[in-house]
PDB file of N, CA and C in Angstrom:
ATOM      1  N   MET A   1       0.831  -1.173  -0.003  1.00  0.00           N
ATOM      2  CA  MET A   1       0.013   0.011  -0.029  1.00  0.00           C
ATOM      3  C   MET A   1       0.901   1.229  -0.023  1.00  0.00           C
ATOM      4  N   PRO A   2       0.599   2.164  -0.902  1.00  0.00           N
ATOM      5  CA  PRO A   2       1.500   3.387  -0.988  1.00  0.00           C
ATOM      6  C   PRO A   2       1.262   4.256   0.284  1.00  0.00           C
ATOM      7  N   ARG A   3       2.303   4.963   0.599  1.00  0.00           N
ATOM      8  CA  ARG A   3       2.213   5.840   1.809  1.00  0.00           C
ATOM      9  C   ARG A   3       1.431   7.143   1.471  1.00  0.00           C
ATOM     10  N   ALA A   4       1.472   7.541   0.240  1.00  0.00           N
ATOM     11  CA  ALA A   4       0.752   8.737  -0.195  1.00  0.00           C
ATOM     12  C   ALA A   4       0.491   8.633  -1.684  1.00  0.00           C
ATOM     13  N   ARG A   5      -0.355   9.490  -2.153  1.00  0.00           N
ATOM     14  CA  ARG A   5      -0.639   9.603  -3.608  1.00  0.00           C
ATOM     15  C   ARG A   5      -0.609  11.044  -3.966  1.00  0.00           C
ATOM     16  N   VAL A   6      -0.313  11.354  -5.176  1.00  0.00           N
ATOM     17  CA  VAL A   6      -0.333  12.769  -5.669  1.00  0.00           C
ATOM     18  C   VAL A   6      -1.765  13.183  -5.792  1.00  0.00           C
ATOM     19  N   GLN A   7      -2.133  14.236  -5.129  1.00  0.00           N
ATOM     20  CA  GLN A   7      -3.464  14.823  -5.187  1.00  0.00           C
ATOM     21  C   GLN A   7      -3.543  15.879  -6.290  1.00  0.00           C
ATOM     22  N   GLU A   8      -2.517  16.708  -6.354  1.00  0.00           N
ATOM     23  CA  GLU A   8      -2.512  17.781  -7.339  1.00  0.00           C
ATOM     24  C   GLU A   8      -1.048  18.267  -7.459  1.00  0.00           C
ATOM     25  N   ILE A   9      -0.786  18.945  -8.525  1.00  0.00           N
ATOM     26  CA  ILE A   9       0.485  19.607  -8.775  1.00  0.00           C
ATOM     27  C   ILE A   9       0.119  21.088  -8.718  1.00  0.00           C
ATOM     28  N   VAL A  10       0.869  21.856  -7.906  1.00  0.00           N
ATOM     29  CA  VAL A  10       0.601  23.259  -7.676  1.00  0.00           C
ATOM     30  C   VAL A  10       1.676  24.130  -8.298  1.00  0.00           C
ATOM     31  N   PHE A  11       1.245  25.072  -9.126  1.00  0.00           N
ATOM     32  CA  PHE A  11       2.154  26.101  -9.744  1.00  0.00           C
ATOM     33  C   PHE A  11       2.013  27.370  -8.978  1.00  0.00           C
ATOM     34  N   ASP A  12       3.107  27.963  -8.476  1.00  0.00           N
ATOM     35  CA  ASP A  12       3.095  29.286  -8.009  1.00  0.00           C
ATOM     36  C   ASP A  12       2.987  30.224  -9.213  1.00  0.00           C
ATOM     37  N   CYS A  13       2.214  31.328  -9.105  1.00  0.00           N
ATOM     38  CA  CYS A  13       2.061  32.162 -10.286  1.00  0.00           C
ATOM     39  C   CYS A  13       1.507  33.530  -9.848  1.00  0.00           C
ATOM     40  N   ALA A  14       1.409  34.427 -10.850  1.00  0.00           N
ATOM     41  CA  ALA A  14       0.863  35.727 -10.610  1.00  0.00           C
ATOM     42  C   ALA A  14      -0.633  35.788 -10.983  1.00  0.00           C
ATOM     43  N   ALA A  15      -1.060  34.952 -11.922  1.00  0.00           N
ATOM     44  CA  ALA A  15      -2.438  35.055 -12.435  1.00  0.00           C
ATOM     45  C   ALA A  15      -3.091  33.614 -12.488  1.00  0.00           C
ATOM     46  N   PRO A  16      -3.551  33.157 -11.318  1.00  0.00           N
ATOM     47  CA  PRO A  16      -4.104  31.753 -11.278  1.00  0.00           C
ATOM     48  C   PRO A  16      -5.174  31.486 -12.281  1.00  0.00           C
ATOM     49  N   ALA A  17      -6.168  32.375 -12.444  1.00  0.00           N
ATOM     50  CA  ALA A  17      -7.274  32.122 -13.357  1.00  0.00           C
ATOM     51  C   ALA A  17      -6.770  32.002 -14.802  1.00  0.00           C
ATOM     52  N   ALA A  18      -5.838  32.868 -15.215  1.00  0.00           N
ATOM     53  CA  ALA A  18      -5.310  32.818 -16.599  1.00  0.00           C
ATOM     54  C   ALA A  18      -4.526  31.551 -16.826  1.00  0.00           C
ATOM     55  N   LEU A  19      -3.767  31.080 -15.884  1.00  0.00           N
ATOM     56  CA  LEU A  19      -3.037  29.834 -16.044  1.00  0.00           C
ATOM     57  C   LEU A  19      -3.919  28.655 -16.055  1.00  0.00           C
ATOM     58  N   ALA A  20      -4.925  28.632 -15.214  1.00  0.00           N
ATOM     59  CA  ALA A  20      -5.941  27.534 -15.262  1.00  0.00           C
ATOM     60  C   ALA A  20      -6.579  27.428 -16.639  1.00  0.00           C
ATOM     61  N   ARG A  21      -6.879  28.566 -17.253  1.00  0.00           N
ATOM     62  CA  ARG A  21      -7.521  28.599 -18.606  1.00  0.00           C
ATOM     63  C   ARG A  21      -6.524  28.130 -19.663  1.00  0.00           C
ATOM     64  N   PHE A  22      -5.203  28.487 -19.524  1.00  0.00           N
ATOM     65  CA  PHE A  22      -4.266  28.014 -20.466  1.00  0.00           C
ATOM     66  C   PHE A  22      -4.175  26.541 -20.457  1.00  0.00           C
ATOM     67  N   TRP A  23      -3.910  25.962 -19.225  1.00  0.00           N
ATOM     68  CA  TRP A  23      -3.708  24.496 -19.102  1.00  0.00           C
ATOM     69  C   TRP A  23      -5.016  23.740 -19.484  1.00  0.00           C
ATOM     70  N   SER A  24      -6.156  24.312 -19.182  1.00  0.00           N
ATOM     71  CA  SER A  24      -7.421  23.698 -19.574  1.00  0.00           C
ATOM     72  C   SER A  24      -7.493  23.610 -21.110  1.00  0.00           C
ATOM     73  N   ALA A  25      -7.135  24.686 -21.811  1.00  0.00           N
ATOM     74  CA  ALA A  25      -7.160  24.683 -23.259  1.00  0.00           C
ATOM     75  C   ALA A  25      -6.173  23.691 -23.829  1.00  0.00           C
ATOM     76  N   LEU A  26      -5.037  23.475 -23.141  1.00  0.00           N
ATOM     77  CA  LEU A  26      -4.002  22.589 -23.575  1.00  0.00           C
ATOM     78  C   LEU A  26      -4.366  21.088 -23.290  1.00  0.00           C
ATOM     79  N   LEU A  27      -4.933  20.856 -22.077  1.00  0.00           N
ATOM     80  CA  LEU A  27      -5.060  19.425 -21.673  1.00  0.00           C
ATOM     81  C   LEU A  27      -6.547  19.016 -21.559  1.00  0.00           C
ATOM     82  N   GLY A  28      -7.413  19.948 -21.595  1.00  0.00           N
ATOM     83  CA  GLY A  28      -8.816  19.601 -21.363  1.00  0.00           C
ATOM     84  C   GLY A  28      -9.229  19.847 -19.917  1.00  0.00           C
ATOM     85  N   GLY A  29     -10.508  19.714 -19.638  1.00  0.00           N
ATOM     86  CA  GLY A  29     -11.045  20.012 -18.289  1.00  0.00           C
ATOM     87  C   GLY A  29     -11.573  21.384 -18.213  1.00  0.00           C
ATOM     88  N   THR A  30     -12.332  21.669 -17.118  1.00  0.00           N
ATOM     89  CA  THR A  30     -12.929  22.928 -16.952  1.00  0.00           C
ATOM     90  C   THR A  30     -12.206  23.654 -15.862  1.00  0.00           C
ATOM     91  N   PRO A  31     -11.769  24.930 -16.144  1.00  0.00           N
ATOM     92  CA  PRO A  31     -11.125  25.706 -15.103  1.00  0.00           C
ATOM     93  C   PRO A  31     -12.056  26.108 -14.004  1.00  0.00           C
ATOM     94  N   VAL A  32     -11.549  26.091 -12.751  1.00  0.00           N
ATOM     95  CA  VAL A  32     -12.361  26.466 -11.602  1.00  0.00           C
ATOM     96  C   VAL A  32     -11.587  27.528 -10.816  1.00  0.00           C
ATOM     97  N   ASP A  33     -12.222  28.620 -10.557  1.00  0.00           N
ATOM     98  CA  ASP A  33     -11.628  29.689  -9.723  1.00  0.00           C
ATOM     99  C   ASP A  33     -12.176  29.567  -8.320  1.00  0.00           C
ATOM    100  N   ARG A  34     -11.371  29.024  -7.379  1.00  0.00           N
ATOM    101  CA  ARG A  34     -11.867  28.848  -6.041  1.00  0.00           C
ATOM    102  C   ARG A  34     -11.814  30.236  -5.253  1.00  0.00           C
ATOM    103  N   SER A  35     -10.863  31.055  -5.618  1.00  0.00           N
ATOM    104  CA  SER A  35     -10.756  32.421  -5.080  1.00  0.00           C
ATOM    105  C   SER A  35      -9.830  33.200  -6.047  1.00  0.00           C
ATOM    106  N   PRO A  36      -9.647  34.513  -5.862  1.00  0.00           N
ATOM    107  CA  PRO A  36      -8.769  35.227  -6.679  1.00  0.00           C
ATOM    108  C   PRO A  36      -7.281  34.779  -6.656  1.00  0.00           C
ATOM    109  N   ASP A  37      -6.963  34.020  -5.559  1.00  0.00           N
ATOM    110  CA  ASP A  37      -5.619  33.518  -5.367  1.00  0.00           C
ATOM    111  C   ASP A  37      -5.441  32.057  -5.651  1.00  0.00           C
ATOM    112  N   TRP A  38      -6.483  31.334  -6.079  1.00  0.00           N
ATOM    113  CA  TRP A  38      -6.374  29.867  -6.259  1.00  0.00           C
ATOM    114  C   TRP A  38      -7.366  29.435  -7.331  1.00  0.00           C
ATOM    115  N   SER A  39      -6.798  28.812  -8.345  1.00  0.00           N
ATOM    116  CA  SER A  39      -7.620  28.260  -9.452  1.00  0.00           C
ATOM    117  C   SER A  39      -7.107  26.823  -9.766  1.00  0.00           C
ATOM    118  N   TYR A  40      -7.894  25.991 -10.389  1.00  0.00           N
ATOM    119  CA  TYR A  40      -7.402  24.676 -10.778  1.00  0.00           C
ATOM    120  C   TYR A  40      -8.174  24.151 -11.959  1.00  0.00           C
ATOM    121  N   VAL A  41      -7.624  23.091 -12.520  1.00  0.00           N
ATOM    122  CA  VAL A  41      -8.265  22.339 -13.582  1.00  0.00           C
ATOM    123  C   VAL A  41      -8.022  20.873 -13.392  1.00  0.00           C
ATOM    124  N   ASP A  42      -8.989  20.020 -13.719  1.00  0.00           N
ATOM    125  CA  ASP A  42      -8.882  18.580 -13.585  1.00  0.00           C
ATOM    126  C   ASP A  42      -8.882  18.050 -15.020  1.00  0.00           C
ATOM    127  N   PRO A  43      -7.640  17.945 -15.642  1.00  0.00           N
ATOM    128  CA  PRO A  43      -7.582  17.357 -16.987  1.00  0.00           C
ATOM    129  C   PRO A  43      -8.063  15.886 -16.985  1.00  0.00           C
ATOM    130  N   PRO A  44      -8.685  15.465 -18.074  1.00  0.00           N
ATOM    131  CA  PRO A  44      -9.045  14.099 -18.178  1.00  0.00           C
ATOM    132  C   PRO A  44      -7.859  13.157 -18.016  1.00  0.00           C
ATOM    133  N   GLU A  45      -8.031  12.092 -17.233  1.00  0.00           N
ATOM    134  CA  GLU A  45      -6.978  11.092 -17.043  1.00  0.00           C
ATOM    135  C   GLU A  45      -5.679  11.630 -16.534  1.00  0.00           C
ATOM    136  N   PHE A  46      -5.726  12.678 -15.699  1.00  0.00           N
ATOM    137  CA  PHE A  46      -4.495  13.271 -15.180  1.00  0.00           C
ATOM    138  C   PHE A  46      -4.787  13.882 -13.767  1.00  0.00           C
ATOM    139  N   VAL A  47      -3.832  14.111 -13.006  1.00  0.00           N
ATOM    140  CA  VAL A  47      -3.994  14.702 -11.701  1.00  0.00           C
ATOM    141  C   VAL A  47      -4.342  16.185 -11.807  1.00  0.00           C
ATOM    142  N   ARG A  48      -5.022  16.658 -10.810  1.00  0.00           N
ATOM    143  CA  ARG A  48      -5.405  18.138 -10.808  1.00  0.00           C
ATOM    144  C   ARG A  48      -4.158  19.028 -10.913  1.00  0.00           C
ATOM    145  N   LEU A  49      -4.287  20.044 -11.671  1.00  0.00           N
ATOM    146  CA  LEU A  49      -3.232  21.128 -11.720  1.00  0.00           C
ATOM    147  C   LEU A  49      -3.889  22.312 -11.048  1.00  0.00           C
ATOM    148  N   ALA A  50      -3.135  22.845 -10.072  1.00  0.00           N
ATOM    149  CA  ALA A  50      -3.668  23.988  -9.308  1.00  0.00           C
ATOM    150  C   ALA A  50      -2.679  25.197  -9.478  1.00  0.00           C
ATOM    151  N   PHE A  51      -3.246  26.358  -9.310  1.00  0.00           N
ATOM    152  CA  PHE A  51      -2.452  27.597  -9.525  1.00  0.00           C
ATOM    153  C   PHE A  51      -2.643  28.561  -8.384  1.00  0.00           C
ATOM    154  N   GLN A  52      -1.558  28.858  -7.677  1.00  0.00           N
ATOM    155  CA  GLN A  52      -1.627  29.658  -6.455  1.00  0.00           C
ATOM    156  C   GLN A  52      -0.885  30.965  -6.671  1.00  0.00           C
ATOM    157  N   ARG A  53      -1.559  32.039  -6.365  1.00  0.00           N
ATOM    158  CA  ARG A  53      -0.942  33.378  -6.490  1.00  0.00           C
ATOM    159  C   ARG A  53       0.128  33.504  -5.429  1.00  0.00           C
ATOM    160  N   VAL A  54       1.316  33.952  -5.861  1.00  0.00           N
ATOM    161  CA  VAL A  54       2.398  34.305  -4.960  1.00  0.00           C
ATOM    162  C   VAL A  54       2.923  35.706  -5.335  1.00  0.00           C
ATOM    163  N   PRO A  55       3.488  36.489  -4.439  1.00  0.00           N
ATOM    164  CA  PRO A  55       3.970  37.810  -4.717  1.00  0.00           C
ATOM    165  C   PRO A  55       5.164  37.880  -5.652  1.00  0.00           C
ATOM    166  N   GLU A  56       6.075  36.912  -5.500  1.00  0.00           N
ATOM    167  CA  GLU A  56       7.320  36.971  -6.320  1.00  0.00           C
ATOM    168  C   GLU A  56       7.101  36.347  -7.682  1.00  0.00           C
ATOM    169  N   GLY A  57       7.926  36.860  -8.628  1.00  0.00           N
ATOM    170  CA  GLY A  57       7.888  36.339 -10.009  1.00  0.00           C
ATOM    171  C   GLY A  57       8.788  35.170 -10.141  1.00  0.00           C
ATOM    172  N   LYS A  58       8.659  34.448 -11.249  1.00  0.00           N
ATOM    173  CA  LYS A  58       9.504  33.285 -11.629  1.00  0.00           C
ATOM    174  C   LYS A  58      10.866  33.871 -11.950  1.00  0.00           C
ATOM    175  N   ALA A  59      11.913  33.342 -11.297  1.00  0.00           N
ATOM    176  CA  ALA A  59      13.216  33.914 -11.486  1.00  0.00           C
ATOM    177  C   ALA A  59      14.205  32.892 -12.181  1.00  0.00           C
ATOM    178  N   VAL A  60      14.046  31.603 -12.025  1.00  0.00           N
ATOM    179  CA  VAL A  60      14.952  30.615 -12.527  1.00  0.00           C
ATOM    180  C   VAL A  60      14.131  29.516 -13.245  1.00  0.00           C
ATOM    181  N   LYS A  61      14.894  28.552 -13.844  1.00  0.00           N
ATOM    182  CA  LYS A  61      14.282  27.450 -14.482  1.00  0.00           C
ATOM    183  C   LYS A  61      13.617  26.539 -13.486  1.00  0.00           C
ATOM    184  N   ASN A  62      12.436  25.981 -13.832  1.00  0.00           N
ATOM    185  CA  ASN A  62      11.696  25.088 -12.969  1.00  0.00           C
ATOM    186  C   ASN A  62      12.563  23.901 -12.578  1.00  0.00           C
ATOM    187  N   ARG A  63      12.436  23.436 -11.333  1.00  0.00           N
ATOM    188  CA  ARG A  63      13.108  22.244 -10.882  1.00  0.00           C
ATOM    189  C   ARG A  63      12.317  20.991 -11.263  1.00  0.00           C
ATOM    190  N   VAL A  64      10.982  21.157 -11.515  1.00  0.00           N
ATOM    191  CA  VAL A  64      10.152  20.122 -11.974  1.00  0.00           C
ATOM    192  C   VAL A  64       9.332  20.613 -13.141  1.00  0.00           C
ATOM    193  N   HIS A  65       9.118  19.798 -14.141  1.00  0.00           N
ATOM    194  CA  HIS A  65       8.246  20.217 -15.263  1.00  0.00           C
ATOM    195  C   HIS A  65       7.458  18.981 -15.751  1.00  0.00           C
ATOM    196  N   LEU A  66       6.379  19.277 -16.522  1.00  0.00           N
ATOM    197  CA  LEU A  66       5.559  18.183 -17.128  1.00  0.00           C
ATOM    198  C   LEU A  66       6.074  17.839 -18.444  1.00  0.00           C
ATOM    199  N   ASP A  67       6.129  16.569 -18.763  1.00  0.00           N
ATOM    200  CA  ASP A  67       6.416  16.085 -20.150  1.00  0.00           C
ATOM    201  C   ASP A  67       5.053  15.549 -20.633  1.00  0.00           C
ATOM    202  N   LEU A  68       4.568  16.180 -21.762  1.00  0.00           N
ATOM    203  CA  LEU A  68       3.259  15.852 -22.304  1.00  0.00           C
ATOM    204  C   LEU A  68       3.556  15.037 -23.615  1.00  0.00           C
ATOM    205  N   GLU A  69       3.023  13.760 -23.620  1.00  0.00           N
ATOM    206  CA  GLU A  69       3.309  12.896 -24.748  1.00  0.00           C
ATOM    207  C   GLU A  69       2.311  13.364 -25.924  1.00  0.00           C
ATOM    208  N   VAL A  70       2.925  13.494 -27.120  1.00  0.00           N
ATOM    209  CA  VAL A  70       2.180  13.886 -28.300  1.00  0.00           C
ATOM    210  C   VAL A  70       2.692  13.093 -29.445  1.00  0.00           C
ATOM    211  N   GLY A  71       1.971  13.066 -30.543  1.00  0.00           N
ATOM    212  CA  GLY A  71       2.410  12.320 -31.760  1.00  0.00           C
ATOM    213  C   GLY A  71       3.463  13.124 -32.485  1.00  0.00           C
ATOM    214  N   ASP A  72       3.389  14.432 -32.438  1.00  0.00           N
ATOM    215  CA  ASP A  72       4.247  15.375 -33.261  1.00  0.00           C
ATOM    216  C   ASP A  72       4.511  16.602 -32.414  1.00  0.00           C
ATOM    217  N   PRO A  73       5.723  16.685 -31.825  1.00  0.00           N
ATOM    218  CA  PRO A  73       6.061  17.900 -31.029  1.00  0.00           C
ATOM    219  C   PRO A  73       5.957  19.181 -31.769  1.00  0.00           C
ATOM    220  N   ALA A  74       6.287  19.229 -33.018  1.00  0.00           N
ATOM    221  CA  ALA A  74       6.291  20.449 -33.816  1.00  0.00           C
ATOM    222  C   ALA A  74       4.829  20.904 -34.036  1.00  0.00           C
ATOM    223  N   ALA A  75       3.949  19.990 -34.278  1.00  0.00           N
ATOM    224  CA  ALA A  75       2.544  20.334 -34.508  1.00  0.00           C
ATOM    225  C   ALA A  75       1.925  20.743 -33.157  1.00  0.00           C
ATOM    226  N   ALA A  76       2.257  20.023 -32.097  1.00  0.00           N
ATOM    227  CA  ALA A  76       1.698  20.408 -30.818  1.00  0.00           C
ATOM    228  C   ALA A  76       2.154  21.783 -30.377  1.00  0.00           C
ATOM    229  N   ALA A  77       3.407  22.121 -30.660  1.00  0.00           N
ATOM    230  CA  ALA A  77       3.909  23.461 -30.320  1.00  0.00           C
ATOM    231  C   ALA A  77       3.147  24.537 -31.134  1.00  0.00           C
ATOM    232  N   GLU A  78       2.948  24.270 -32.405  1.00  0.00           N
ATOM    233  CA  GLU A  78       2.172  25.231 -33.254  1.00  0.00           C
ATOM    234  C   GLU A  78       0.767  25.446 -32.728  1.00  0.00           C
ATOM    235  N   GLU A  79       0.145  24.405 -32.204  1.00  0.00           N
ATOM    236  CA  GLU A  79      -1.215  24.492 -31.613  1.00  0.00           C
ATOM    237  C   GLU A  79      -1.234  25.247 -30.295  1.00  0.00           C
ATOM    238  N   ALA A  80      -0.080  25.137 -29.490  1.00  0.00           N
ATOM    239  CA  ALA A  80      -0.023  25.765 -28.232  1.00  0.00           C
ATOM    240  C   ALA A  80       0.291  27.256 -28.309  1.00  0.00           C
ATOM    241  N   LEU A  81       0.999  27.680 -29.339  1.00  0.00           N
ATOM    242  CA  LEU A  81       1.422  29.088 -29.450  1.00  0.00           C
ATOM    243  C   LEU A  81       0.241  30.067 -29.343  1.00  0.00           C
ATOM    244  N   PRO A  82      -0.874  29.849 -30.053  1.00  0.00           N
ATOM    245  CA  PRO A  82      -2.010  30.805 -29.961  1.00  0.00           C
ATOM    246  C   PRO A  82      -2.632  30.799 -28.567  1.00  0.00           C
ATOM    247  N   LEU A  83      -2.401  29.763 -27.776  1.00  0.00           N
ATOM    248  CA  LEU A  83      -2.989  29.723 -26.413  1.00  0.00           C
ATOM    249  C   LEU A  83      -2.137  30.542 -25.426  1.00  0.00           C
ATOM    250  N   GLY A  84      -0.943  30.958 -25.824  1.00  0.00           N
ATOM    251  CA  GLY A  84      -0.064  31.743 -24.980  1.00  0.00           C
ATOM    252  C   GLY A  84       1.276  31.065 -24.658  1.00  0.00           C
ATOM    253  N   ALA A  85       1.478  29.891 -25.180  1.00  0.00           N
ATOM    254  CA  ALA A  85       2.816  29.227 -24.939  1.00  0.00           C
ATOM    255  C   ALA A  85       3.854  29.842 -25.830  1.00  0.00           C
ATOM    256  N   SER A  86       5.094  29.549 -25.490  1.00  0.00           N
ATOM    257  CA  SER A  86       6.203  29.958 -26.322  1.00  0.00           C
ATOM    258  C   SER A  86       7.209  28.780 -26.310  1.00  0.00           C
ATOM    259  N   ARG A  87       7.961  28.728 -27.463  1.00  0.00           N
ATOM    260  CA  ARG A  87       9.000  27.713 -27.549  1.00  0.00           C
ATOM    261  C   ARG A  87      10.275  28.180 -26.799  1.00  0.00           C
ATOM    262  N   SER A  88      11.052  27.208 -26.337  1.00  0.00           N
ATOM    263  CA  SER A  88      12.354  27.460 -25.713  1.00  0.00           C
ATOM    264  C   SER A  88      13.331  26.555 -26.475  1.00  0.00           C
ATOM    265  N   GLY A  89      13.999  27.104 -27.465  1.00  0.00           N
ATOM    266  CA  GLY A  89      14.901  26.336 -28.253  1.00  0.00           C
ATOM    267  C   GLY A  89      14.133  25.550 -29.352  1.00  0.00           C
ATOM    268  N   GLY A  90      14.827  24.638 -30.003  1.00  0.00           N
ATOM    269  CA  GLY A  90      14.302  23.824 -31.036  1.00  0.00           C
ATOM    270  C   GLY A  90      13.962  22.455 -30.637  1.00  0.00           C
ATOM    271  N   ILE A  91      13.487  21.658 -31.540  1.00  0.00           N
ATOM    272  CA  ILE A  91      13.192  20.267 -31.297  1.00  0.00           C
ATOM    273  C   ILE A  91      14.482  19.487 -31.164  1.00  0.00           C
ATOM    274  N   VAL A  92      14.541  18.644 -30.193  1.00  0.00           N
ATOM    275  CA  VAL A  92      15.696  17.767 -29.935  1.00  0.00           C
ATOM    276  C   VAL A  92      15.255  16.317 -30.217  1.00  0.00           C
ATOM    277  N   THR A  93      16.037  15.613 -31.004  1.00  0.00           N
ATOM    278  CA  THR A  93      15.750  14.230 -31.336  1.00  0.00           C
ATOM    279  C   THR A  93      16.980  13.367 -31.009  1.00  0.00           C
ATOM    280  N   ASP A  94      16.714  12.244 -30.379  1.00  0.00           N
ATOM    281  CA  ASP A  94      17.764  11.268 -30.066  1.00  0.00           C
ATOM    282  C   ASP A  94      17.194   9.862 -30.238  1.00  0.00           C
ATOM    283  N   ASP A  95      17.888   8.866 -29.837  1.00  0.00           N
ATOM    284  CA  ASP A  95      17.479   7.474 -29.979  1.00  0.00           C
ATOM    285  C   ASP A  95      16.165   7.187 -29.259  1.00  0.00           C
ATOM    286  N   GLN A  96      15.803   7.929 -28.279  1.00  0.00           N
ATOM    287  CA  GLN A  96      14.615   7.726 -27.489  1.00  0.00           C
ATOM    288  C   GLN A  96      13.381   8.447 -28.014  1.00  0.00           C
ATOM    289  N   GLY A  97      13.547   9.360 -28.924  1.00  0.00           N
ATOM    290  CA  GLY A  97      12.426  10.133 -29.485  1.00  0.00           C
ATOM    291  C   GLY A  97      12.776  11.565 -29.657  1.00  0.00           C
ATOM    292  N   SER A  98      11.721  12.433 -29.610  1.00  0.00           N
ATOM    293  CA  SER A  98      11.917  13.831 -29.826  1.00  0.00           C
ATOM    294  C   SER A  98      11.209  14.646 -28.699  1.00  0.00           C
ATOM    295  N   PHE A  99      11.699  15.833 -28.461  1.00  0.00           N
ATOM    296  CA  PHE A  99      11.002  16.706 -27.526  1.00  0.00           C
ATOM    297  C   PHE A  99      11.173  18.194 -27.874  1.00  0.00           C
ATOM    298  N   GLN A 100      10.210  19.012 -27.525  1.00  0.00           N
ATOM    299  CA  GLN A 100      10.233  20.417 -27.735  1.00  0.00           C
ATOM    300  C   GLN A 100       9.975  21.040 -26.320  1.00  0.00           C
ATOM    301  N   VAL A 101      10.966  21.829 -25.836  1.00  0.00           N
ATOM    302  CA  VAL A 101      10.745  22.539 -24.568  1.00  0.00           C
ATOM    303  C   VAL A 101       9.863  23.760 -24.865  1.00  0.00           C
ATOM    304  N   MET A 102       8.839  23.949 -24.049  1.00  0.00           N
ATOM    305  CA  MET A 102       7.879  25.044 -24.144  1.00  0.00           C
ATOM    306  C   MET A 102       7.852  25.779 -22.835  1.00  0.00           C
ATOM    307  N   ARG A 103       7.166  26.947 -22.882  1.00  0.00           N
ATOM    308  CA  ARG A 103       6.914  27.708 -21.684  1.00  0.00           C
ATOM    309  C   ARG A 103       5.429  28.136 -21.714  1.00  0.00           C
ATOM    310  N   ASP A 104       4.783  28.083 -20.545  1.00  0.00           N
ATOM    311  CA  ASP A 104       3.433  28.545 -20.413  1.00  0.00           C
ATOM    312  C   ASP A 104       3.447  30.064 -20.340  1.00  0.00           C
ATOM    313  N   PRO A 105       2.280  30.760 -20.255  1.00  0.00           N
ATOM    314  CA  PRO A 105       2.321  32.232 -20.289  1.00  0.00           C
ATOM    315  C   PRO A 105       3.078  32.888 -19.186  1.00  0.00           C
ATOM    316  N   GLU A 106       3.347  32.202 -18.064  1.00  0.00           N
ATOM    317  CA  GLU A 106       4.191  32.767 -16.976  1.00  0.00           C
ATOM    318  C   GLU A 106       5.593  32.272 -16.977  1.00  0.00           C
ATOM    319  N   GLY A 107       5.960  31.512 -18.042  1.00  0.00           N
ATOM    320  CA  GLY A 107       7.365  31.057 -18.187  1.00  0.00           C
ATOM    321  C   GLY A 107       7.654  29.687 -17.587  1.00  0.00           C
ATOM    322  N   ASN A 108       6.674  29.028 -17.057  1.00  0.00           N
ATOM    323  CA  ASN A 108       6.901  27.651 -16.519  1.00  0.00           C
ATOM    324  C   ASN A 108       7.185  26.654 -17.687  1.00  0.00           C
ATOM    325  N   GLU A 109       8.280  26.001 -17.559  1.00  0.00           N
ATOM    326  CA  GLU A 109       8.693  25.065 -18.634  1.00  0.00           C
ATOM    327  C   GLU A 109       7.847  23.784 -18.662  1.00  0.00           C
ATOM    328  N   PHE A 110       7.544  23.226 -19.818  1.00  0.00           N
ATOM    329  CA  PHE A 110       6.949  21.965 -20.017  1.00  0.00           C
ATOM    330  C   PHE A 110       7.471  21.437 -21.325  1.00  0.00           C
ATOM    331  N   CYS A 111       7.351  20.168 -21.652  1.00  0.00           N
ATOM    332  CA  CYS A 111       7.879  19.603 -22.883  1.00  0.00           C
ATOM    333  C   CYS A 111       6.788  18.819 -23.603  1.00  0.00           C
ATOM    334  N   PHE A 112       6.756  18.947 -24.907  1.00  0.00           N
ATOM    335  CA  PHE A 112       6.004  18.039 -25.733  1.00  0.00           C
ATOM    336  C   PHE A 112       6.985  16.933 -26.136  1.00  0.00           C
ATOM    337  N   VAL A 113       6.654  15.669 -25.904  1.00  0.00           N
ATOM    338  CA  VAL A 113       7.586  14.558 -26.108  1.00  0.00           C
ATOM    339  C   VAL A 113       6.964  13.449 -26.863  1.00  0.00           C
ATOM    340  N   THR A 114       7.843  12.692 -27.634  1.00  0.00           N
ATOM    341  CA  THR A 114       7.477  11.432 -28.212  1.00  0.00           C
ATOM    342  C   THR A 114       8.319  10.409 -27.583  1.00  0.00           C
ATOM    343  N   GLY A 115       7.936   9.198 -27.726  1.00  0.00           N
ATOM    344  CA  GLY A 115       8.780   8.202 -27.069  1.00  0.00           C
ATOM    345  C   GLY A 115       8.527   6.891 -27.657  1.00  0.00           C
TER     346      GLY A 115
END
């Protein structure tokens, strides 16, 4: 029996409602604004993503990021750009597959990956 299970992944941010809407558009689910300082989305077949307002801005690279499996990282990146995402570098391909590093509207890194 596991000692614990992941209930949600929480992102510190400046605009919780906006990030909940971005991730909802990317992964599905309905954004919920619990308060001006806390929003979340429950993507289908995934753990809840929550967004918590904090006073400080993002200053360095994330220590943890999401890898999102897609059929084509280039196509996924193109679809994410109008939602507010941005690319970070180009597509990397190796023996294990390909990935494209992306950033959400507040600069949090995530990757579109094949495998």
